[in-house]
């Protein structure tokens, strides 16, 4: 795409808004209910107005859904291109960058050997340090910390918890099945009020801990506890209420996708792809040619210094 992926996806979304979304939102973009209601007793002119308003809202929701699908396609397409470009850039050009770093170190060392100047010696050491592989985080912290933070055993020791690694990487099929069922039933997003959300948050934390330990018996006990607990009253939504709820979800999803698209476009690889949106593979070839020329230039310079 020649423009930004977020901008191109806006076209479809704006088209959806023009089909009737204005009937569903106020000047601030918040959902507002139509004047007529879906009450069972509504009849005559009021009933017809309510049905017409609901029908217009349904059209707006369908258009917004289609626009969101197109937006997701655009964002996912760009994400794949960014990921593929990053991998190809590393595979094809990584050795060239490494060769340039090595040549820069050798040139700096040759200059330092020739001049003996302390500043040249310092630069040579810095250039060589940039080439030498850095130790892994695990080596620096002797098994206490990895790239993702403290290892579980270290965390347990520091918090005075029993150090007990899981028996297997993947819990049993029964544990996985119980975990999925519990999360589907008790997920905090299903709560109707703050008190219910807090209850679900605390319960799911226990479910996660039991699953992480692979404790199928504990998950079974949690299943029985949930089934015996209070069941929140279900609210019956009217047709228009369901449509408004769907519109609000679509708007939230759109905002999330727009943030993802902006992050991709602002990344280093995303910026490179925008330099050649029609032929990103050709851009890789151009960069490779430039790097090869730089390598040849540095090799010639090094030959002059040590020749």
C-alpha atoms as a PDB file:
ATOM      1  CA  UNK A   1       0.000   0.000   0.000  1.00  0.00           C
ATOM      2  CA  UNK A   2       1.304   3.392  -0.883  1.00  0.00           C
ATOM      3  CA  UNK A   3      -0.139   5.197   2.141  1.00  0.00           C
ATOM      4  CA  UNK A   4       0.028   4.020   5.729  1.00  0.00           C
ATOM      5  CA  UNK A   5      -1.909   0.851   6.447  1.00  0.00           C
ATOM      6  CA  UNK A   6      -3.938   2.604   9.113  1.00  0.00           C
ATOM      7  CA  UNK A   7      -4.896   5.383   6.671  1.00  0.00           C
ATOM      8  CA  UNK A   8      -5.962   2.938   3.972  1.00  0.00           C
ATOM      9  CA  UNK A   9      -8.074   1.007   6.411  1.00  0.00           C
ATOM     10  CA  UNK A  10      -9.752   4.240   7.469  1.00  0.00           C
ATOM     11  CA  UNK A  11     -11.438   4.476   4.055  1.00  0.00           C
ATOM     12  CA  UNK A  12     -13.477   1.350   4.606  1.00  0.00           C
ATOM     13  CA  UNK A  13     -14.338   2.357   8.135  1.00  0.00           C
ATOM     14  CA  UNK A  14     -15.488   5.805   7.086  1.00  0.00           C
ATOM     15  CA  UNK A  15     -17.691   4.205   4.465  1.00  0.00           C
ATOM     16  CA  UNK A  16     -19.266   2.113   7.165  1.00  0.00           C
ATOM     17  CA  UNK A  17     -19.894   5.153   9.313  1.00  0.00           C
ATOM     18  CA  UNK A  18     -21.705   6.869   6.443  1.00  0.00           C
ATOM     19  CA  UNK A  19     -24.209   4.040   6.057  1.00  0.00           C
ATOM     20  CA  UNK A  20     -25.996   4.765   9.277  1.00  0.00           C
ATOM     21  CA  UNK A  21     -23.596   4.753  12.186  1.00  0.00           C
ATOM     22  CA  UNK A  22     -24.532   8.404  12.777  1.00  0.00           C
ATOM     23  CA  UNK A  23     -27.939   7.177  13.877  1.00  0.00           C
ATOM     24  CA  UNK A  24     -26.212   5.104  16.550  1.00  0.00           C
ATOM     25  CA  UNK A  25     -23.907   7.690  18.143  1.00  0.00           C
ATOM     26  CA  UNK A  26     -24.128  11.183  19.531  1.00  0.00           C
ATOM     27  CA  UNK A  27     -21.721  14.087  18.830  1.00  0.00           C
ATOM     28  CA  UNK A  28     -19.167  12.596  21.230  1.00  0.00           C
ATOM     29  CA  UNK A  29     -19.249   9.176  19.544  1.00  0.00           C
ATOM     30  CA  UNK A  30     -21.064   7.516  22.455  1.00  0.00           C
ATOM     31  CA  UNK A  31     -23.900   5.120  21.792  1.00  0.00           C
ATOM     32  CA  UNK A  32     -27.334   6.588  22.415  1.00  0.00           C
ATOM     33  CA  UNK A  33     -30.640   4.765  22.463  1.00  0.00           C
ATOM     34  CA  UNK A  34     -33.369   5.664  19.971  1.00  0.00           C
ATOM     35  CA  UNK A  35     -36.350   7.618  21.251  1.00  0.00           C
ATOM     36  CA  UNK A  36     -38.686   4.698  20.760  1.00  0.00           C
ATOM     37  CA  UNK A  37     -38.313   1.666  23.051  1.00  0.00           C
ATOM     38  CA  UNK A  38     -38.444  -2.075  22.553  1.00  0.00           C
ATOM     39  CA  UNK A  39     -40.951  -2.446  25.381  1.00  0.00           C
ATOM     40  CA  UNK A  40     -43.445  -5.267  24.813  1.00  0.00           C
ATOM     41  CA  UNK A  41     -46.320  -2.794  24.988  1.00  0.00           C
ATOM     42  CA  UNK A  42     -45.050  -0.553  22.243  1.00  0.00           C
ATOM     43  CA  UNK A  43     -47.464  -0.524  19.327  1.00  0.00           C
ATOM     44  CA  UNK A  44     -48.677   1.550  16.449  1.00  0.00           C
ATOM     45  CA  UNK A  45     -46.489   4.462  15.413  1.00  0.00           C
ATOM     46  CA  UNK A  46     -44.103   4.024  18.338  1.00  0.00           C
ATOM     47  CA  UNK A  47     -43.602   0.330  17.552  1.00  0.00           C
ATOM     48  CA  UNK A  48     -42.965   1.065  13.886  1.00  0.00           C
ATOM     49  CA  UNK A  49     -40.454   3.788  14.794  1.00  0.00           C
ATOM     50  CA  UNK A  50     -38.669   1.424  17.150  1.00  0.00           C
ATOM     51  CA  UNK A  51     -38.449  -1.278  14.493  1.00  0.00           C
ATOM     52  CA  UNK A  52     -37.157   1.206  11.927  1.00  0.00           C
ATOM     53  CA  UNK A  53     -34.524   2.512  14.334  1.00  0.00           C
ATOM     54  CA  UNK A  54     -33.411  -1.024  15.163  1.00  0.00           C
ATOM     55  CA  UNK A  55     -33.225  -1.896  11.476  1.00  0.00           C
ATOM     56  CA  UNK A  56     -31.050   1.163  10.767  1.00  0.00           C
ATOM     57  CA  UNK A  57     -28.835   0.245  13.685  1.00  0.00           C
ATOM     58  CA  UNK A  58     -28.483  -3.308  12.381  1.00  0.00           C
ATOM     59  CA  UNK A  59     -27.345  -1.951   9.000  1.00  0.00           C
ATOM     60  CA  UNK A  60     -24.787   0.276  10.719  1.00  0.00           C
ATOM     61  CA  UNK A  61     -23.478  -2.634  12.792  1.00  0.00           C
ATOM     62  CA  UNK A  62     -23.084  -4.867   9.722  1.00  0.00           C
ATOM     63  CA  UNK A  63     -21.237  -2.113   7.863  1.00  0.00           C
ATOM     64  CA  UNK A  64     -18.976  -1.478  10.859  1.00  0.00           C
ATOM     65  CA  UNK A  65     -18.254  -5.196  11.131  1.00  0.00           C
ATOM     66  CA  UNK A  66     -17.245  -5.393   7.483  1.00  0.00           C
ATOM     67  CA  UNK A  67     -15.051  -2.299   7.798  1.00  0.00           C
ATOM     68  CA  UNK A  68     -13.358  -3.781  10.862  1.00  0.00           C
ATOM     69  CA  UNK A  69     -12.662  -7.008   8.960  1.00  0.00           C
ATOM     70  CA  UNK A  70     -10.969  -5.043   6.194  1.00  0.00           C
ATOM     71  CA  UNK A  71      -8.998  -3.087   8.772  1.00  0.00           C
ATOM     72  CA  UNK A  72      -7.844  -6.300  10.462  1.00  0.00           C
ATOM     73  CA  UNK A  73      -6.786  -7.712   7.089  1.00  0.00           C
ATOM     74  CA  UNK A  74      -4.717  -4.602   6.365  1.00  0.00           C
ATOM     75  CA  UNK A  75      -3.070  -4.636   9.791  1.00  0.00           C
ATOM     76  CA  UNK A  76      -2.340  -8.368   9.681  1.00  0.00           C
ATOM     77  CA  UNK A  77      -0.937  -8.095   6.167  1.00  0.00           C
ATOM     78  CA  UNK A  78       1.420  -5.352   7.278  1.00  0.00           C
ATOM     79  CA  UNK A  79       2.388  -7.281  10.409  1.00  0.00           C
ATOM     80  CA  UNK A  80       3.371 -10.297   8.299  1.00  0.00           C
ATOM     81  CA  UNK A  81       5.412  -8.098   5.975  1.00  0.00           C
ATOM     82  CA  UNK A  82       7.205  -6.471   8.917  1.00  0.00           C
ATOM     83  CA  UNK A  83       7.968  -9.864  10.464  1.00  0.00           C
ATOM     84  CA  UNK A  84       9.154 -11.383   7.175  1.00  0.00           C
ATOM     85  CA  UNK A  85      11.252  -8.356   6.330  1.00  0.00           C
ATOM     86  CA  UNK A  86      12.854  -8.445   9.757  1.00  0.00           C
ATOM     87  CA  UNK A  87      13.764 -12.125   9.396  1.00  0.00           C
ATOM     88  CA  UNK A  88      15.080 -11.749   5.869  1.00  0.00           C
ATOM     89  CA  UNK A  89      16.986  -8.619   6.837  1.00  0.00           C
ATOM     90  CA  UNK A  90      18.687 -10.548   9.632  1.00  0.00           C
ATOM     91  CA  UNK A  91      19.385 -13.675   7.547  1.00  0.00           C
ATOM     92  CA  UNK A  92      20.600 -11.997   4.392  1.00  0.00           C
ATOM     93  CA  UNK A  93      22.219  -8.842   5.717  1.00  0.00           C
ATOM     94  CA  UNK A  94      23.279  -9.882   9.202  1.00  0.00           C
ATOM     95  CA  UNK A  95      26.557 -11.466   7.995  1.00  0.00           C
ATOM     96  CA  UNK A  96      27.369  -8.296   6.039  1.00  0.00           C
ATOM     97  CA  UNK A  97      26.849  -6.108   9.110  1.00  0.00           C
ATOM     98  CA  UNK A  98      29.028  -8.507  11.115  1.00  0.00           C
ATOM     99  CA  UNK A  99      31.734  -8.334   8.441  1.00  0.00           C
ATOM    100  CA  UNK A 100      31.639  -4.535   8.533  1.00  0.00           C
ATOM    101  CA  UNK A 101      31.996  -4.553  12.319  1.00  0.00           C
ATOM    102  CA  UNK A 102      34.992  -6.882  12.061  1.00  0.00           C
ATOM    103  CA  UNK A 103      36.629  -4.737   9.394  1.00  0.00           C
ATOM    104  CA  UNK A 104      36.056  -1.595  11.469  1.00  0.00           C
ATOM    105  CA  UNK A 105      37.757  -3.295  14.426  1.00  0.00           C
ATOM    106  CA  UNK A 106      40.697  -4.436  12.316  1.00  0.00           C
ATOM    107  CA  UNK A 107      41.098  -0.962  10.805  1.00  0.00           C
ATOM    108  CA  UNK A 108      41.010   0.667  14.242  1.00  0.00           C
ATOM    109  CA  UNK A 109      43.561  -1.851  15.551  1.00  0.00           C
ATOM    110  CA  UNK A 110      45.841  -1.252  12.566  1.00  0.00           C
ATOM    111  CA  UNK A 111      45.676   2.497  13.094  1.00  0.00           C
ATOM    112  CA  UNK A 112      46.419   2.103  16.816  1.00  0.00           C
ATOM    113  CA  UNK A 113      49.360  -0.191  16.096  1.00  0.00           C
ATOM    114  CA  UNK A 114      50.773   2.329  13.653  1.00  0.00           C
ATOM    115  CA  UNK A 115      50.346   5.498  15.746  1.00  0.00           C
ATOM    116  CA  UNK A 116      50.493   4.198  19.304  1.00  0.00           C
ATOM    117  CA  UNK A 117      48.262   7.106  20.248  1.00  0.00           C
ATOM    118  CA  UNK A 118      46.232   6.381  23.444  1.00  0.00           C
ATOM    119  CA  UNK A 119      43.088   7.753  21.823  1.00  0.00           C
ATOM    120  CA  UNK A 120      43.523   5.414  18.856  1.00  0.00           C
ATOM    121  CA  UNK A 121      44.135   2.534  21.253  1.00  0.00           C
ATOM    122  CA  UNK A 122      40.911   3.370  23.097  1.00  0.00           C
ATOM    123  CA  UNK A 123      38.952   3.469  19.837  1.00  0.00           C
ATOM    124  CA  UNK A 124      40.429   0.138  18.801  1.00  0.00           C
ATOM    125  CA  UNK A 125      39.339  -1.465  22.063  1.00  0.00           C
ATOM    126  CA  UNK A 126      35.832  -0.080  21.679  1.00  0.00           C
ATOM    127  CA  UNK A 127      35.612  -1.320  18.103  1.00  0.00           C
ATOM    128  CA  UNK A 128      36.777  -4.788  19.132  1.00  0.00           C
ATOM    129  CA  UNK A 129      34.348  -4.860  22.058  1.00  0.00           C
ATOM    130  CA  UNK A 130      31.509  -4.179  19.623  1.00  0.00           C
ATOM    131  CA  UNK A 131      32.484  -7.314  17.697  1.00  0.00           C
ATOM    132  CA  UNK A 132      32.990  -9.696  20.620  1.00  0.00           C
ATOM    133  CA  UNK A 133      29.784 -11.549  21.631  1.00  0.00           C
ATOM    134  CA  UNK A 134      28.134 -10.274  24.792  1.00  0.00           C
ATOM    135  CA  UNK A 135      27.572 -12.821  27.581  1.00  0.00           C
ATOM    136  CA  UNK A 136      24.053 -14.083  28.031  1.00  0.00           C
ATOM    137  CA  UNK A 137      22.004 -12.756  30.943  1.00  0.00           C
ATOM    138  CA  UNK A 138      21.978 -16.251  32.445  1.00  0.00           C
ATOM    139  CA  UNK A 139      25.804 -16.241  32.520  1.00  0.00           C
ATOM    140  CA  UNK A 140      25.903 -12.903  34.299  1.00  0.00           C
ATOM    141  CA  UNK A 141      23.439 -13.931  37.010  1.00  0.00           C
ATOM    142  CA  UNK A 142      24.557 -17.568  37.358  1.00  0.00           C
ATOM    143  CA  UNK A 143      21.185 -19.157  36.750  1.00  0.00           C
ATOM    144  CA  UNK A 144      19.179 -16.744  38.893  1.00  0.00           C
ATOM    145  CA  UNK A 145      17.852 -14.553  36.135  1.00  0.00           C
ATOM    146  CA  UNK A 146      17.060 -14.953  32.442  1.00  0.00           C
ATOM    147  CA  UNK A 147      16.046 -12.529  29.749  1.00  0.00           C
ATOM    148  CA  UNK A 148      12.423 -12.717  31.006  1.00  0.00           C
ATOM    149  CA  UNK A 149      13.332 -11.979  34.624  1.00  0.00           C
ATOM    150  CA  UNK A 150      13.868 -14.148  37.681  1.00  0.00           C
ATOM    151  CA  UNK A 151      13.583 -17.895  37.189  1.00  0.00           C
ATOM    152  CA  UNK A 152      10.668 -19.478  39.130  1.00  0.00           C
ATOM    153  CA  UNK A 153      13.031 -21.260  41.524  1.00  0.00           C
ATOM    154  CA  UNK A 154      14.840 -17.999  42.328  1.00  0.00           C
ATOM    155  CA  UNK A 155      11.536 -16.183  42.789  1.00  0.00           C
ATOM    156  CA  UNK A 156      10.346 -18.906  45.149  1.00  0.00           C
ATOM    157  CA  UNK A 157      13.520 -18.715  47.229  1.00  0.00           C
ATOM    158  CA  UNK A 158      13.367 -14.925  47.532  1.00  0.00           C
ATOM    159  CA  UNK A 159       9.703 -15.028  48.579  1.00  0.00           C
ATOM    160  CA  UNK A 160      10.262 -17.939  50.996  1.00  0.00           C
ATOM    161  CA  UNK A 161       8.029 -20.256  48.989  1.00  0.00           C
ATOM    162  CA  UNK A 162       8.760 -23.964  48.453  1.00  0.00           C
ATOM    163  CA  UNK A 163      11.010 -24.560  45.475  1.00  0.00           C
ATOM    164  CA  UNK A 164       9.097 -27.172  43.500  1.00  0.00           C
ATOM    165  CA  UNK A 165       9.454 -27.200  39.716  1.00  0.00           C
ATOM    166  CA  UNK A 166       6.513 -28.558  37.699  1.00  0.00           C
ATOM    167  CA  UNK A 167       6.552 -32.276  36.989  1.00  0.00           C
ATOM    168  CA  UNK A 168       6.025 -31.817  33.252  1.00  0.00           C
ATOM    169  CA  UNK A 169       6.191 -28.998  30.764  1.00  0.00           C
ATOM    170  CA  UNK A 170       2.608 -29.621  29.650  1.00  0.00           C
ATOM    171  CA  UNK A 171      -0.052 -30.473  32.226  1.00  0.00           C
ATOM    172  CA  UNK A 172      -2.263 -33.515  31.724  1.00  0.00           C
ATOM    173  CA  UNK A 173      -5.149 -33.484  29.272  1.00  0.00           C
ATOM    174  CA  UNK A 174      -7.585 -33.552  32.191  1.00  0.00           C
ATOM    175  CA  UNK A 175      -5.941 -30.509  33.744  1.00  0.00           C
ATOM    176  CA  UNK A 176      -5.998 -28.638  30.438  1.00  0.00           C
ATOM    177  CA  UNK A 177      -9.663 -29.479  29.902  1.00  0.00           C
ATOM    178  CA  UNK A 178     -10.631 -28.420  33.433  1.00  0.00           C
ATOM    179  CA  UNK A 179      -8.635 -25.214  33.077  1.00  0.00           C
ATOM    180  CA  UNK A 180     -10.297 -24.247  29.794  1.00  0.00           C
ATOM    181  CA  UNK A 181     -13.762 -24.937  31.173  1.00  0.00           C
ATOM    182  CA  UNK A 182     -13.109 -22.918  34.330  1.00  0.00           C
ATOM    183  CA  UNK A 183     -11.754 -19.921  32.457  1.00  0.00           C
ATOM    184  CA  UNK A 184     -14.706 -19.927  30.076  1.00  0.00           C
ATOM    185  CA  UNK A 185     -17.124 -19.922  32.992  1.00  0.00           C
ATOM    186  CA  UNK A 186     -15.312 -17.657  35.464  1.00  0.00           C
ATOM    187  CA  UNK A 187     -13.466 -15.147  33.281  1.00  0.00           C
ATOM    188  CA  UNK A 188     -13.573 -11.640  34.841  1.00  0.00           C
ATOM    189  CA  UNK A 189     -14.791 -10.106  31.569  1.00  0.00           C
ATOM    190  CA  UNK A 190     -18.106 -11.898  32.131  1.00  0.00           C
ATOM    191  CA  UNK A 191     -18.764  -9.906  35.308  1.00  0.00           C
ATOM    192  CA  UNK A 192     -21.715  -7.507  35.436  1.00  0.00           C
ATOM    193  CA  UNK A 193     -20.411  -5.278  38.242  1.00  0.00           C
ATOM    194  CA  UNK A 194     -17.219  -4.439  40.126  1.00  0.00           C
ATOM    195  CA  UNK A 195     -17.926  -6.772  43.029  1.00  0.00           C
ATOM    196  CA  UNK A 196     -18.442  -9.707  40.685  1.00  0.00           C
ATOM    197  CA  UNK A 197     -15.263  -8.833  38.787  1.00  0.00           C
ATOM    198  CA  UNK A 198     -13.229  -8.813  41.993  1.00  0.00           C
ATOM    199  CA  UNK A 199     -14.616 -12.218  42.929  1.00  0.00           C
ATOM    200  CA  UNK A 200     -13.773 -13.616  39.511  1.00  0.00           C
ATOM    201  CA  UNK A 201     -10.296 -12.059  39.518  1.00  0.00           C
ATOM    202  CA  UNK A 202      -9.447 -13.758  42.817  1.00  0.00           C
ATOM    203  CA  UNK A 203     -10.884 -17.063  41.674  1.00  0.00           C
ATOM    204  CA  UNK A 204      -9.077 -17.062  38.327  1.00  0.00           C
ATOM    205  CA  UNK A 205      -5.795 -16.323  40.121  1.00  0.00           C
ATOM    206  CA  UNK A 206      -6.268 -19.579  42.046  1.00  0.00           C
ATOM    207  CA  UNK A 207      -7.186 -21.405  38.849  1.00  0.00           C
ATOM    208  CA  UNK A 208      -4.032 -20.152  37.138  1.00  0.00           C
ATOM    209  CA  UNK A 209      -1.864 -21.218  40.066  1.00  0.00           C
ATOM    210  CA  UNK A 210      -3.360 -24.717  40.101  1.00  0.00           C
ATOM    211  CA  UNK A 211      -2.893 -25.075  36.359  1.00  0.00           C
ATOM    212  CA  UNK A 212       0.695 -23.839  36.498  1.00  0.00           C
ATOM    213  CA  UNK A 213       1.400 -26.581  39.057  1.00  0.00           C
ATOM    214  CA  UNK A 214      -0.396 -29.176  36.924  1.00  0.00           C
ATOM    215  CA  UNK A 215      -2.639 -29.968  39.922  1.00  0.00           C
ATOM    216  CA  UNK A 216      -5.616 -31.710  38.350  1.00  0.00           C
ATOM    217  CA  UNK A 217      -7.167 -32.482  41.751  1.00  0.00           C
ATOM    218  CA  UNK A 218      -7.067 -28.825  42.752  1.00  0.00           C
ATOM    219  CA  UNK A 219      -8.681 -27.842  39.454  1.00  0.00           C
ATOM    220  CA  UNK A 220     -11.425 -30.373  40.085  1.00  0.00           C
ATOM    221  CA  UNK A 221     -12.041 -28.891  43.515  1.00  0.00           C
ATOM    222  CA  UNK A 222     -12.157 -25.403  42.026  1.00  0.00           C
ATOM    223  CA  UNK A 223     -14.677 -26.608  39.447  1.00  0.00           C
ATOM    224  CA  UNK A 224     -16.954 -27.913  42.178  1.00  0.00           C
ATOM    225  CA  UNK A 225     -16.479 -24.704  44.170  1.00  0.00           C
ATOM    226  CA  UNK A 226     -17.493 -22.558  41.220  1.00  0.00           C
ATOM    227  CA  UNK A 227     -20.524 -24.666  40.425  1.00  0.00           C
ATOM    228  CA  UNK A 228     -21.675 -24.415  44.046  1.00  0.00           C
ATOM    229  CA  UNK A 229     -21.099 -20.660  44.221  1.00  0.00           C
ATOM    230  CA  UNK A 230     -23.533 -17.837  43.510  1.00  0.00           C
ATOM    231  CA  UNK A 231     -24.716 -17.545  39.912  1.00  0.00           C
ATOM    232  CA  UNK A 232     -25.092 -13.935  38.778  1.00  0.00           C
ATOM    233  CA  UNK A 233     -28.496 -13.084  37.383  1.00  0.00           C
ATOM    234  CA  UNK A 234     -28.522 -12.906  33.627  1.00  0.00           C
ATOM    235  CA  UNK A 235     -29.878  -9.784  32.013  1.00  0.00           C
ATOM    236  CA  UNK A 236     -32.026 -10.094  28.918  1.00  0.00           C
ATOM    237  CA  UNK A 237     -30.989  -7.433  26.431  1.00  0.00           C
ATOM    238  CA  UNK A 238     -33.353  -6.029  23.859  1.00  0.00           C
ATOM    239  CA  UNK A 239     -32.416  -6.200  20.189  1.00  0.00           C
ATOM    240  CA  UNK A 240     -31.306  -2.569  20.127  1.00  0.00           C
ATOM    241  CA  UNK A 241     -29.275  -2.974  23.340  1.00  0.00           C
ATOM    242  CA  UNK A 242     -27.431  -5.933  21.863  1.00  0.00           C
ATOM    243  CA  UNK A 243     -26.683  -3.943  18.709  1.00  0.00           C
ATOM    244  CA  UNK A 244     -25.378  -0.979  20.698  1.00  0.00           C
ATOM    245  CA  UNK A 245     -23.203  -3.295  22.772  1.00  0.00           C
ATOM    246  CA  UNK A 246     -21.845  -4.762  19.544  1.00  0.00           C
ATOM    247  CA  UNK A 247     -21.079  -1.288  18.189  1.00  0.00           C
ATOM    248  CA  UNK A 248     -19.196  -0.371  21.346  1.00  0.00           C
ATOM    249  CA  UNK A 249     -17.141  -3.569  21.122  1.00  0.00           C
ATOM    250  CA  UNK A 250     -16.345  -2.866  17.472  1.00  0.00           C
ATOM    251  CA  UNK A 251     -15.178   0.642  18.373  1.00  0.00           C
ATOM    252  CA  UNK A 252     -12.894  -0.693  21.112  1.00  0.00           C
ATOM    253  CA  UNK A 253     -11.504  -3.336  18.767  1.00  0.00           C
ATOM    254  CA  UNK A 254     -10.865  -0.698  16.103  1.00  0.00           C
ATOM    255  CA  UNK A 255      -8.935   1.472  18.562  1.00  0.00           C
ATOM    256  CA  UNK A 256      -6.792  -1.510  19.569  1.00  0.00           C
ATOM    257  CA  UNK A 257      -6.020  -2.356  15.930  1.00  0.00           C
ATOM    258  CA  UNK A 258      -5.197   1.280  15.182  1.00  0.00           C
ATOM    259  CA  UNK A 259      -2.672   1.232  18.031  1.00  0.00           C
ATOM    260  CA  UNK A 260      -1.110  -1.966  16.659  1.00  0.00           C
ATOM    261  CA  UNK A 261      -0.909  -0.471  13.171  1.00  0.00           C
ATOM    262  CA  UNK A 262       0.706   2.716  14.501  1.00  0.00           C
ATOM    263  CA  UNK A 263       3.272   0.709  16.458  1.00  0.00           C
ATOM    264  CA  UNK A 264       4.152  -1.332  13.363  1.00  0.00           C
ATOM    265  CA  UNK A 265       4.494   1.758  11.187  1.00  0.00           C
ATOM    266  CA  UNK A 266       6.645   3.536  13.774  1.00  0.00           C
ATOM    267  CA  UNK A 267       9.028   0.594  14.137  1.00  0.00           C
ATOM    268  CA  UNK A 268      12.408   0.626  12.401  1.00  0.00           C
ATOM    269  CA  UNK A 269      11.408  -2.163  10.012  1.00  0.00           C
ATOM    270  CA  UNK A 270       8.027  -0.564   9.348  1.00  0.00           C
ATOM    271  CA  UNK A 271       9.739   2.701   8.430  1.00  0.00           C
ATOM    272  CA  UNK A 272      12.027   0.825   6.039  1.00  0.00           C
ATOM    273  CA  UNK A 273       9.098  -0.889   4.330  1.00  0.00           C
ATOM    274  CA  UNK A 274       7.346   2.473   3.872  1.00  0.00           C
ATOM    275  CA  UNK A 275      10.397   3.599   1.894  1.00  0.00           C
ATOM    276  CA  UNK A 276       9.504   1.041  -0.802  1.00  0.00           C
ATOM    277  CA  UNK A 277       5.886  -0.041  -0.210  1.00  0.00           C
ATOM    278  CA  UNK A 278       5.508  -1.481  -3.709  1.00  0.00           C
ATOM    279  CA  UNK A 279       8.668  -3.630  -3.620  1.00  0.00           C
ATOM    280  CA  UNK A 280      10.080  -4.317  -0.151  1.00  0.00           C
ATOM    281  CA  UNK A 281      12.123  -7.220  -1.551  1.00  0.00           C
ATOM    282  CA  UNK A 282      13.795  -4.830  -3.948  1.00  0.00           C
ATOM    283  CA  UNK A 283      14.681  -2.639  -0.974  1.00  0.00           C
ATOM    284  CA  UNK A 284      16.512  -5.565   0.591  1.00  0.00           C
ATOM    285  CA  UNK A 285      18.507  -5.977  -2.623  1.00  0.00           C
ATOM    286  CA  UNK A 286      19.409  -2.275  -2.614  1.00  0.00           C
ATOM    287  CA  UNK A 287      20.585  -2.438   1.003  1.00  0.00           C
ATOM    288  CA  UNK A 288      22.620  -5.568   0.224  1.00  0.00           C
ATOM    289  CA  UNK A 289      24.353  -3.839  -2.695  1.00  0.00           C
ATOM    290  CA  UNK A 290      25.197  -0.861  -0.506  1.00  0.00           C
ATOM    291  CA  UNK A 291      26.617  -3.099   2.226  1.00  0.00           C
ATOM    292  CA  UNK A 292      28.729  -5.033  -0.280  1.00  0.00           C
ATOM    293  CA  UNK A 293      30.167  -1.761  -1.545  1.00  0.00           C
ATOM    294  CA  UNK A 294      30.926  -0.697   2.041  1.00  0.00           C
ATOM    295  CA  UNK A 295      32.671  -4.035   2.698  1.00  0.00           C
ATOM    296  CA  UNK A 296      34.811  -3.640  -0.432  1.00  0.00           C
ATOM    297  CA  UNK A 297      35.737  -0.095   0.556  1.00  0.00           C
ATOM    298  CA  UNK A 298      36.793  -1.099   4.075  1.00  0.00           C
ATOM    299  CA  UNK A 299      38.754  -4.111   2.830  1.00  0.00           C
ATOM    300  CA  UNK A 300      40.689  -1.817   0.461  1.00  0.00           C
ATOM    301  CA  UNK A 301      41.380   0.605   3.302  1.00  0.00           C
ATOM    302  CA  UNK A 302      42.586  -2.204   5.571  1.00  0.00           C
ATOM    303  CA  UNK A 303      44.903  -3.498   2.838  1.00  0.00           C
ATOM    304  CA  UNK A 304      46.494  -0.085   2.588  1.00  0.00           C
ATOM    305  CA  UNK A 305      47.044   0.060   6.351  1.00  0.00           C
ATOM    306  CA  UNK A 306      48.633  -3.382   6.751  1.00  0.00           C
ATOM    307  CA  UNK A 307      50.171  -3.694   3.288  1.00  0.00           C
END
